[in-house]
Amino acid sequence: MRVYLSILCFVAAVSYAASEGVLFGPNTWAVLVAGSNGWWNYRHQADVCHAYHSLIEKGVLPEKIITIMYDDIAQNSQNPKKGTIINRPDGPDVYHDVVIDYSGKAVTAKNFLKIIEGDEVGMENIGSGKVLKSNENDTVFINFVDHGGAGVLGFPSTLLKAADLIASLNKMSKSNMFDKLILFIEACESGSIFDGFIDHLPNVFVSTAAAGDESSWGWYCDDKKFGTCFGDLYSINWMERLDKLKTSESLFDNYNAIRTKTTKSHVQLYGDYKLGFLQQFESAEAEDEYLEEYPESQKEHKGVDSRDIPLYFARKELEAAKEPANIILKKERLEKIIESRGFADNLISKILKEYTEGDVVSQQDLETKRSKLNMDMFSCYDDLLTAFGTDCFSIPENTYIMKHLYKLANICVRDESSVKAVAAIQTVCLEEMQAINRLDFHIE
C-alpha cells in the first residue's frame, strides 16, 4: 500500500508531543549492517561506511555505533583504489576511520539479533563483543543494507526472516531498550518485512527502500574501472540529504523528500507515525537549507535494478573487451550468468508444478499473484526455505533466487502445512541435482 505524507501527518498530528528529541544525537545508539559480501555488492558496505560518518557528523557518539560488515571490499583484488571505499563517483574515502565490530563469518542473522537484543553472553569471543546497551531513555537507529525477498533479508550465508526480526523488536520493547526505535532498510521487497507486522509496537518507526513487491536500485554504476555500483538509490538519497542539511528536518519531511528522489521504487513507512515529527538532529530551526551541493549530479545516472547488477556488468565487460581471448572469457561469463538464472527460473516452476500436481491454473496463480504475508504462515515458510537450502542450494549465496521466494510464501499463505511443499522441493531438487552440481556457480 502506498503511504502518502499528508495522510500520515493527519493521523499522527495529535501525538506530536510524544516525539520530542532527535534521531541522531548523544543519546542515540546505532547498528549499521551490510549483510552481503563480494565485489558485486560493493555498494552495501559503501552505504554503511558512509552512514557511519554521517551519523557521527550529526552528533552520534562513535562508541555508541555498532558496525557489522564483511570487510572484503577495501582490500579486494578488484579494487582500483586499495584500502578505500567510495559511495559516489570521485567521492571521498568513506572506509577510513570506520570501526568494524563484526566482520567475515561473524556477519550472520543470528549474531545480528543477539546484538540488537543486548545479548553480551551470546556474543562473547565474537568480534568486538559489542552489543546494544541502550535503555528506556535512548533512541536506537538500525540501518540494514543488503538483498531481500518476500519476508526475508539476506546475510552472506544465512537469512533473516521477518518473524525472527519482529520477535527481537518485541523483546527489545518489553526489555525497555529504547524510547524510540527507527529502522532504515535498504533491500528488494523490504516492505514485506514490516507490512502489518509492527502496528502493535509503540515508538517503532520504519522506512524501507521499496514496497513488498519491488526491487530496490543500485546507483552510481557507470565507472568502468570499478565495474560495480557505488551506492543504493534510497541509501544515497537519505545520506546525501542528511550531509547537506544545515538545519534539521522531521522524519516526515525527510520521507517526503526521499520518496520524491527515489524514483525507481516506492519508499514506504511503517509503524508508529507520531515519530514522523521527530527531528533528525539538533539545530536552531528546521528549514530546507543545504550546504554546498555534491559535485556529482544524480541526474546523470540511470541506476540498475539490484537484482540485475551482475548481469548488467557482465554485459558491460563483454562490450569493453578487445582481445579475442578476453572476449571469449567475458562471453562465457555472461552466458553462465544467463544460464544459471534460467535454471533457477525453471527450477521454481518445476517445484510449483510438482506441488500443484500439474494443475496449470493453480500453478499460474502461485507464480503471478502476491499474497499478503501473515505471522501464521512463517512456520511453513521456514520449513520451505530450509528444505530448499538443504536439498537445492543456499539461498543467501545465490541471491537471484530471492526474486522467486514470494511464490513459496504464496504456498504457505494458502496452506499453513508445509508437508506437501517440502516433498515437492525434495523431489525436484533430487532430480535436478546433477544440473545443480554442473553449474558450480553462484546464481547472481
Protein backbone atom coordinates (compact mmCIF):
# COMPACT_ATOMS: atom_id res chain seq x y z
CA MET A 1 0.00 0.00 0.00
CA ARG A 2 1.38 3.36 -0.98
CA VAL A 3 1.57 5.68 2.01
CA TYR A 4 1.42 9.41 1.48
CA LEU A 5 2.77 12.07 3.76
CA SER A 6 -0.40 14.12 4.02
CA ILE A 7 -2.34 11.16 5.41
CA LEU A 8 0.42 10.26 7.86
CA CYS A 9 0.64 13.79 9.20
CA PHE A 10 -3.10 13.91 9.77
CA VAL A 11 -3.11 10.59 11.61
CA ALA A 12 -0.12 11.48 13.78
CA ALA A 13 -0.70 15.16 14.48
CA VAL A 14 -2.34 14.65 17.85
CA SER A 15 0.73 12.77 19.11
CA TYR A 16 3.36 15.37 18.30
CA ALA A 17 4.41 15.89 21.89
CA ALA A 18 5.43 12.24 22.24
CA SER A 19 8.16 12.68 19.63
CA GLU A 20 10.39 15.18 21.41
CA GLY A 21 14.12 14.80 20.95
CA VAL A 22 16.24 13.98 17.90
CA LEU A 23 17.10 10.90 15.89
CA PHE A 24 20.85 11.49 15.78
CA GLY A 25 22.46 12.74 18.97
CA PRO A 26 24.47 11.72 22.05
CA ASN A 27 21.56 9.61 23.37
CA THR A 28 21.41 7.56 20.18
CA TRP A 29 22.65 4.00 19.75
CA ALA A 30 23.12 2.86 16.14
CA VAL A 31 23.54 -0.54 14.50
CA LEU A 32 24.78 -0.37 10.90
CA VAL A 33 24.63 -3.58 8.87
CA ALA A 34 25.86 -4.53 5.41
CA GLY A 35 24.59 -8.07 5.04
CA SER A 36 26.44 -9.10 1.87
CA ASN A 37 29.91 -9.88 0.60
CA GLY A 38 31.62 -9.94 -2.80
CA TRP A 39 32.65 -7.26 -5.29
CA TRP A 40 29.21 -7.12 -6.96
CA ASN A 41 27.85 -5.94 -3.62
CA TYR A 42 30.39 -3.14 -3.10
CA ARG A 43 27.55 -0.63 -2.66
CA HIS A 44 26.24 -2.21 0.54
CA GLN A 45 29.44 -1.74 2.52
CA ALA A 46 29.91 1.68 0.93
CA ASP A 47 26.46 2.71 2.17
CA VAL A 48 27.22 1.53 5.70
CA CYS A 49 30.63 3.26 5.83
CA HIS A 50 29.02 6.48 4.61
CA ALA A 51 26.30 6.15 7.25
CA TYR A 52 28.95 5.73 9.95
CA HIS A 53 30.49 9.12 9.14
CA SER A 54 27.15 10.86 8.58
CA LEU A 55 25.83 9.81 11.99
CA ILE A 56 28.95 10.97 13.81
CA GLU A 57 28.82 14.29 11.96
CA LYS A 58 25.24 14.79 13.21
CA GLY A 59 26.04 14.03 16.85
CA VAL A 60 26.05 10.25 17.41
CA LEU A 61 28.94 9.16 19.63
CA PRO A 62 31.32 6.69 17.91
CA GLU A 63 31.29 4.41 20.96
CA LYS A 64 27.54 4.00 20.54
CA ILE A 65 27.77 2.78 16.93
CA ILE A 66 27.97 -0.95 16.20
CA THR A 67 29.14 -1.75 12.67
CA ILE A 68 28.58 -5.11 11.01
CA MET A 69 30.11 -5.67 7.56
CA TYR A 70 32.05 -8.47 5.88
CA ASP A 71 35.02 -6.16 5.13
CA ASP A 72 36.13 -7.75 1.86
CA ILE A 73 35.86 -4.66 -0.34
CA ALA A 74 38.59 -2.19 0.65
CA GLN A 75 41.41 -4.70 0.07
CA ASN A 76 39.63 -6.63 -2.68
CA SER A 77 41.83 -7.62 -5.64
CA GLN A 78 39.35 -5.90 -7.96
CA ASN A 79 39.54 -2.58 -6.12
CA PRO A 80 41.44 0.00 -8.24
CA LYS A 81 41.99 2.10 -5.10
CA LYS A 82 43.17 -0.38 -2.49
CA GLY A 83 42.30 0.38 1.08
CA THR A 84 39.44 2.72 0.22
CA ILE A 85 35.69 2.61 -0.39
CA ILE A 86 33.70 5.38 -2.03
CA ASN A 87 29.93 5.93 -2.13
CA ARG A 88 29.75 8.10 -5.23
CA PRO A 89 31.92 8.76 -8.31
CA ASP A 90 35.15 10.50 -7.37
CA GLY A 91 33.82 10.75 -3.83
CA PRO A 92 35.80 10.76 -0.60
CA ASP A 93 37.02 7.59 1.06
CA VAL A 94 34.28 6.54 3.49
CA TYR A 95 36.19 3.48 4.74
CA HIS A 96 38.76 5.44 6.71
CA ASP A 97 38.33 5.51 10.50
CA VAL A 98 35.29 3.19 10.41
CA VAL A 99 35.42 0.88 13.42
CA ILE A 100 34.12 -2.51 12.30
CA ASP A 101 32.85 -4.57 15.21
CA TYR A 102 31.88 -7.71 13.33
CA SER A 103 33.32 -8.89 10.02
CA GLY A 104 33.73 -12.05 7.95
CA LYS A 105 31.96 -15.11 9.30
CA ALA A 106 30.62 -13.13 12.27
CA VAL A 107 28.19 -11.39 9.89
CA THR A 108 25.15 -13.60 10.42
CA ALA A 109 21.47 -13.14 11.07
CA LYS A 110 21.78 -14.92 14.42
CA ASN A 111 24.53 -12.60 15.62
CA PHE A 112 22.66 -9.52 14.45
CA LEU A 113 19.63 -10.47 16.53
CA LYS A 114 21.80 -11.11 19.59
CA ILE A 115 23.45 -7.72 19.14
CA ILE A 116 20.20 -5.76 18.99
CA GLU A 117 18.79 -7.74 21.92
CA GLY A 118 21.81 -6.78 24.02
CA ASP A 119 22.96 -10.38 24.49
CA GLU A 120 26.55 -9.90 25.72
CA VAL A 121 26.93 -13.53 26.76
CA GLY A 122 25.82 -14.75 23.34
CA MET A 123 28.39 -12.51 21.60
CA GLU A 124 31.27 -13.31 23.93
CA ASN A 125 34.51 -14.01 21.97
CA ILE A 126 32.86 -12.96 18.70
CA GLY A 127 34.17 -9.81 17.04
CA SER A 128 34.34 -6.88 19.44
CA GLY A 129 31.57 -8.41 21.56
CA LYS A 130 29.79 -5.06 21.47
CA VAL A 131 26.00 -5.13 21.81
CA LEU A 132 23.26 -2.59 22.34
CA LYS A 133 23.31 -1.23 25.89
CA SER A 134 20.51 1.23 25.34
CA ASN A 135 17.76 1.93 27.87
CA GLU A 136 14.29 3.42 28.01
CA ASN A 137 15.68 6.94 27.58
CA ASP A 138 17.63 6.23 24.39
CA THR A 139 16.92 6.39 20.69
CA VAL A 140 18.02 3.35 18.69
CA PHE A 141 18.71 3.58 14.96
CA ILE A 142 19.15 0.46 12.82
CA ASN A 143 20.31 0.74 9.21
CA PHE A 144 20.31 -2.52 7.25
CA VAL A 145 21.58 -2.77 3.67
CA ASP A 146 21.56 -5.96 1.56
CA HIS A 147 19.48 -8.21 -0.66
CA GLY A 148 15.93 -9.15 0.24
CA GLY A 149 12.94 -11.20 -0.80
CA ALA A 150 9.44 -11.89 0.42
CA GLY A 151 9.65 -11.78 4.22
CA VAL A 152 13.43 -12.21 4.32
CA LEU A 153 16.64 -10.18 4.40
CA GLY A 154 19.99 -11.61 3.37
CA PHE A 155 23.27 -12.20 5.15
CA PRO A 156 26.29 -13.81 3.47
CA SER A 157 25.33 -17.36 4.41
CA THR A 158 22.08 -17.04 6.36
CA LEU A 159 18.65 -15.47 6.06
CA LEU A 160 16.93 -13.12 8.47
CA LYS A 161 13.23 -13.90 8.48
CA ALA A 162 10.63 -11.27 9.23
CA ALA A 163 9.14 -13.33 12.07
CA ASP A 164 12.52 -13.54 13.82
CA LEU A 165 13.23 -9.83 13.41
CA ILE A 166 9.79 -8.86 14.71
CA ALA A 167 10.26 -11.20 17.68
CA SER A 168 13.52 -9.41 18.51
CA LEU A 169 11.87 -5.99 18.21
CA ASN A 170 9.15 -7.20 20.59
CA LYS A 171 11.83 -8.37 23.02
CA MET A 172 13.62 -5.02 22.81
CA SER A 173 10.37 -3.21 23.54
CA LYS A 174 9.49 -5.41 26.53
CA SER A 175 13.04 -5.03 27.89
CA ASN A 176 12.76 -1.22 27.72
CA MET A 177 15.74 -0.96 25.37
CA PHE A 178 14.56 2.23 23.70
CA ASP A 179 12.45 5.31 23.94
CA LYS A 180 12.30 5.43 20.14
CA LEU A 181 13.39 2.83 17.61
CA ILE A 182 13.89 3.87 13.98
CA LEU A 183 14.88 1.48 11.18
CA PHE A 184 16.02 2.38 7.65
CA ILE A 185 16.03 -0.75 5.48
CA GLU A 186 17.64 -0.92 2.03
CA ALA A 187 16.70 -4.16 0.26
CA CYS A 188 14.50 -5.51 -2.50
CA GLU A 189 10.95 -6.20 -1.28
CA SER A 190 11.91 -4.69 2.09
CA GLY A 191 8.34 -3.55 2.73
CA SER A 192 7.29 -7.20 3.10
CA ILE A 193 9.32 -7.45 6.32
CA PHE A 194 7.11 -4.96 8.17
CA ASP A 195 3.77 -4.59 6.40
CA GLY A 196 1.13 -5.47 9.01
CA PHE A 197 3.70 -6.81 11.48
CA ILE A 198 4.66 -3.86 13.70
CA ASP A 199 1.41 -1.92 14.13
CA HIS A 200 1.23 -3.18 17.73
CA LEU A 201 4.64 -1.80 18.68
CA PRO A 202 4.67 1.73 20.12
CA ASN A 203 7.55 4.08 19.31
CA VAL A 204 8.85 2.00 16.40
CA PHE A 205 9.17 3.72 13.02
CA VAL A 206 10.42 2.07 9.82
CA SER A 207 11.40 3.43 6.43
CA THR A 208 12.06 0.93 3.61
CA ALA A 209 13.64 1.43 0.21
CA ALA A 210 10.94 -0.49 -1.59
CA ALA A 211 7.44 -1.84 -1.28
CA GLY A 212 6.93 -5.54 -0.66
CA ASP A 213 6.65 -6.38 -4.35
CA GLU A 214 9.51 -4.47 -5.98
CA SER A 215 13.27 -4.19 -6.25
CA SER A 216 15.48 -1.51 -4.80
CA TRP A 217 18.06 0.01 -7.15
CA GLY A 218 21.83 0.30 -7.28
CA TRP A 219 23.17 3.73 -8.23
CA TYR A 220 26.38 5.32 -9.45
CA CYS A 221 27.11 2.29 -11.62
CA ASP A 222 28.99 3.93 -14.51
CA ASP A 223 32.66 3.79 -13.52
CA LYS A 224 34.36 1.32 -15.88
CA LYS A 225 37.45 0.98 -13.68
CA PHE A 226 35.41 -0.31 -10.77
CA GLY A 227 32.77 -2.33 -12.60
CA THR A 228 30.30 -2.16 -9.73
CA CYS A 229 27.77 0.24 -8.21
CA PHE A 230 28.99 2.66 -5.56
CA GLY A 231 25.67 3.04 -3.73
CA ASP A 232 21.98 2.23 -3.50
CA LEU A 233 19.50 4.88 -4.59
CA TYR A 234 17.44 5.06 -1.40
CA SER A 235 20.52 4.99 0.84
CA ILE A 236 22.47 7.66 -1.00
CA ASN A 237 19.35 9.81 -1.11
CA TRP A 238 18.83 9.86 2.65
CA MET A 239 22.54 10.16 3.46
CA GLU A 240 23.43 12.78 0.88
CA ARG A 241 20.45 14.81 2.04
CA LEU A 242 21.48 14.43 5.68
CA ASP A 243 25.03 15.51 4.81
CA LYS A 244 23.81 18.65 3.03
CA LEU A 245 21.33 19.85 5.63
CA LYS A 246 22.47 22.82 7.68
CA THR A 247 19.41 22.66 9.90
CA SER A 248 17.29 19.70 10.84
CA GLU A 249 14.03 18.40 9.46
CA SER A 250 11.49 15.89 10.70
CA LEU A 251 11.34 12.27 9.59
CA PHE A 252 8.14 13.12 7.72
CA ASP A 253 9.93 15.90 5.84
CA ASN A 254 12.80 13.53 5.17
CA TYR A 255 10.41 10.86 3.89
CA ASN A 256 8.67 13.31 1.60
CA ALA A 257 11.97 14.41 0.08
CA ILE A 258 13.50 10.94 -0.19
CA ARG A 259 10.46 9.26 -1.73
CA THR A 260 10.38 12.01 -4.36
CA LYS A 261 14.04 11.45 -5.29
CA THR A 262 13.85 7.66 -5.12
CA THR A 263 12.19 7.31 -8.49
CA LYS A 264 12.83 3.61 -9.18
CA SER A 265 10.97 2.19 -6.18
CA HIS A 266 8.35 3.34 -3.69
CA VAL A 267 9.78 4.30 -0.31
CA GLN A 268 7.48 3.07 2.45
CA LEU A 269 6.75 3.94 6.09
CA TYR A 270 5.51 1.56 8.77
CA GLY A 271 4.91 1.67 12.49
CA ASP A 272 4.15 4.46 14.94
CA TYR A 273 3.55 7.57 12.85
CA LYS A 274 3.86 10.01 15.72
CA LEU A 275 7.60 9.55 15.39
CA GLY A 276 7.35 11.16 11.99
CA PHE A 277 7.66 14.52 13.75
CA LEU A 278 10.98 13.53 15.31
CA GLN A 279 13.76 15.90 14.26
CA GLN A 280 16.87 14.29 12.77
CA PHE A 281 19.48 16.29 14.67
CA GLU A 282 19.94 19.31 16.89
CA SER A 283 19.61 22.66 15.13
CA ALA A 284 18.10 26.07 15.70
CA GLU A 285 15.16 25.52 13.37
CA ALA A 286 14.02 23.01 10.78
CA GLU A 287 14.43 24.58 7.37
CA ASP A 288 15.22 23.14 3.97
CA GLU A 289 18.67 24.72 3.73
CA TYR A 290 21.68 23.00 2.25
CA LEU A 291 25.40 23.03 2.34
CA GLU A 292 27.22 23.19 -0.97
CA GLU A 293 25.77 20.71 -3.48
CA TYR A 294 27.58 17.47 -4.18
CA PRO A 295 29.57 17.95 -7.40
CA GLU A 296 28.18 14.77 -8.92
CA SER A 297 24.62 15.16 -10.18
CA GLN A 298 22.33 12.16 -9.77
CA LYS A 299 20.54 13.20 -12.96
CA GLU A 300 23.49 11.88 -14.96
CA HIS A 301 22.87 8.35 -13.67
CA LYS A 302 20.18 5.83 -14.51
CA GLY A 303 20.91 3.14 -11.97
CA VAL A 304 20.40 -0.61 -12.19
CA ASP A 305 17.76 -2.88 -10.70
CA SER A 306 19.58 -4.50 -7.76
CA ARG A 307 18.59 -7.96 -8.99
CA ASP A 308 20.30 -7.36 -12.35
CA ILE A 309 23.60 -5.76 -11.33
CA PRO A 310 25.77 -8.87 -12.01
CA LEU A 311 24.11 -9.30 -15.41
CA TYR A 312 24.49 -5.60 -16.21
CA PHE A 313 28.21 -5.56 -15.51
CA ALA A 314 28.85 -8.87 -17.29
CA ARG A 315 27.37 -7.31 -20.42
CA LYS A 316 29.42 -4.14 -19.92
CA GLU A 317 32.60 -6.17 -19.55
CA LEU A 318 31.89 -8.06 -22.77
CA GLU A 319 31.24 -4.80 -24.62
CA ALA A 320 34.55 -3.39 -23.37
CA ALA A 321 36.64 -6.48 -24.16
CA LYS A 322 39.15 -6.02 -27.02
CA GLU A 323 41.47 -9.01 -27.11
CA PRO A 324 39.98 -12.20 -28.67
CA ALA A 325 40.85 -14.34 -25.64
CA ASN A 326 39.26 -11.82 -23.28
CA ILE A 327 36.17 -11.57 -25.45
CA ILE A 328 35.73 -15.33 -25.21
CA LEU A 329 36.23 -15.23 -21.45
CA LYS A 330 33.72 -12.42 -20.92
CA LYS A 331 31.23 -14.05 -23.27
CA GLU A 332 31.42 -17.30 -21.32
CA ARG A 333 30.93 -15.36 -18.09
CA LEU A 334 27.80 -13.65 -19.40
CA GLU A 335 26.40 -16.88 -20.81
CA LYS A 336 27.00 -18.61 -17.47
CA ILE A 337 25.02 -15.94 -15.60
CA ILE A 338 22.15 -16.15 -18.10
CA GLU A 339 22.19 -19.96 -17.99
CA SER A 340 22.18 -20.11 -14.18
CA ARG A 341 19.35 -17.59 -13.95
CA GLY A 342 17.31 -19.54 -16.47
CA PHE A 343 17.95 -22.70 -14.48
CA ALA A 344 16.71 -21.01 -11.29
CA ASP A 345 13.56 -19.76 -13.03
CA ASN A 346 12.78 -23.24 -14.35
CA LEU A 347 13.61 -24.91 -11.04
CA ILE A 348 11.00 -22.90 -9.17
CA SER A 349 8.42 -23.58 -11.88
CA LYS A 350 9.11 -27.31 -11.64
CA ILE A 351 8.68 -27.22 -7.86
CA LEU A 352 5.34 -25.45 -8.22
CA LYS A 353 4.26 -27.92 -10.90
CA GLU A 354 5.11 -30.82 -8.60
CA TYR A 355 3.30 -29.17 -5.69
CA THR A 356 0.14 -28.44 -7.71
CA GLU A 357 0.25 -31.89 -9.33
CA GLY A 358 0.19 -30.34 -12.78
CA ASP A 359 -2.77 -28.03 -12.16
CA VAL A 360 -1.85 -25.24 -14.58
CA VAL A 361 -4.32 -22.70 -13.20
CA SER A 362 -3.20 -23.27 -9.62
CA GLN A 363 0.46 -23.07 -10.60
CA GLN A 364 -0.10 -19.85 -12.52
CA ASP A 365 -1.89 -18.40 -9.51
CA LEU A 366 1.12 -19.14 -7.29
CA GLU A 367 3.54 -17.70 -9.84
CA THR A 368 1.73 -14.47 -10.66
CA LYS A 369 -0.08 -13.33 -7.51
CA ARG A 370 1.48 -11.94 -4.35
CA SER A 371 -0.37 -12.88 -1.21
CA LYS A 372 -0.10 -10.63 1.85
CA LEU A 373 2.15 -12.28 4.39
CA ASN A 374 0.97 -13.04 7.92
CA MET A 375 2.65 -14.39 11.03
CA ASP A 376 0.78 -17.68 10.91
CA MET A 377 2.48 -18.69 7.64
CA PHE A 378 6.07 -18.31 8.80
CA SER A 379 6.42 -21.76 10.35
CA CYS A 380 5.54 -23.29 6.99
CA TYR A 381 7.69 -20.76 5.14
CA ASP A 382 10.68 -21.51 7.34
CA ASP A 383 10.30 -25.22 6.54
CA LEU A 384 10.25 -24.46 2.80
CA LEU A 385 13.28 -22.18 2.95
CA THR A 386 15.18 -24.77 4.99
CA ALA A 387 14.24 -27.56 2.59
CA PHE A 388 15.32 -25.51 -0.40
CA GLY A 389 18.63 -24.62 1.22
CA THR A 390 19.27 -28.24 2.18
CA ASP A 391 18.10 -30.04 -0.94
CA CYS A 392 18.75 -27.47 -3.67
CA PHE A 393 21.30 -24.77 -2.86
CA SER A 394 21.95 -21.89 -0.48
CA ILE A 395 19.54 -19.00 -0.95
CA PRO A 396 21.74 -16.22 0.53
CA GLU A 397 24.72 -17.41 -1.52
CA ASN A 398 22.64 -17.43 -4.72
CA THR A 399 20.80 -14.15 -4.32
CA TYR A 400 18.96 -14.16 -7.66
CA ILE A 401 16.63 -16.86 -6.33
CA MET A 402 15.25 -14.36 -3.79
CA LYS A 403 13.11 -12.81 -6.54
CA HIS A 404 11.12 -16.08 -6.61
CA LEU A 405 10.61 -16.54 -2.87
CA TYR A 406 7.18 -14.89 -2.90
CA LYS A 407 5.97 -17.98 -4.77
CA LEU A 408 6.97 -20.21 -1.87
CA ALA A 409 5.41 -17.70 0.52
CA ASN A 410 2.19 -17.93 -1.50
CA ILE A 411 2.07 -21.66 -0.81
CA CYS A 412 2.24 -21.06 2.94
CA VAL A 413 -0.41 -18.37 2.90
CA ARG A 414 -2.67 -20.82 1.09
CA ASP A 415 -1.75 -23.89 3.16
CA GLU A 416 -0.01 -23.48 6.51
CA SER A 417 1.07 -27.11 6.42
CA SER A 418 4.45 -27.45 4.76
CA VAL A 419 4.46 -31.22 4.23
CA LYS A 420 3.36 -31.34 0.60
CA ALA A 421 5.51 -28.38 -0.49
CA VAL A 422 8.63 -29.71 1.26
CA ALA A 423 8.12 -33.03 -0.51
CA ALA A 424 7.84 -31.21 -3.84
CA ILE A 425 11.10 -29.33 -3.18
CA GLN A 426 12.91 -32.51 -2.21
CA THR A 427 11.64 -34.42 -5.25
CA VAL A 428 12.52 -31.77 -7.82
CA CYS A 429 15.88 -30.87 -6.31
CA LEU A 430 16.91 -34.52 -6.22
CA GLU A 431 16.00 -34.81 -9.90
CA GLU A 432 17.96 -31.64 -10.72
CA MET A 433 20.99 -32.35 -8.53
CA GLN A 434 23.21 -33.26 -11.45
CA ALA A 435 22.40 -29.96 -13.16
CA ILE A 436 22.91 -28.06 -9.89
CA ASN A 437 26.36 -29.61 -9.45
CA ARG A 438 27.23 -28.96 -13.10
CA LEU A 439 26.51 -25.24 -12.72
CA ASP A 440 29.15 -24.95 -9.97
CA PHE A 441 28.37 -21.26 -9.94
CA HIS A 442 26.64 -18.70 -7.80
CA ILE A 443 23.26 -17.74 -9.27
CA GLU A 444 23.66 -13.97 -9.08
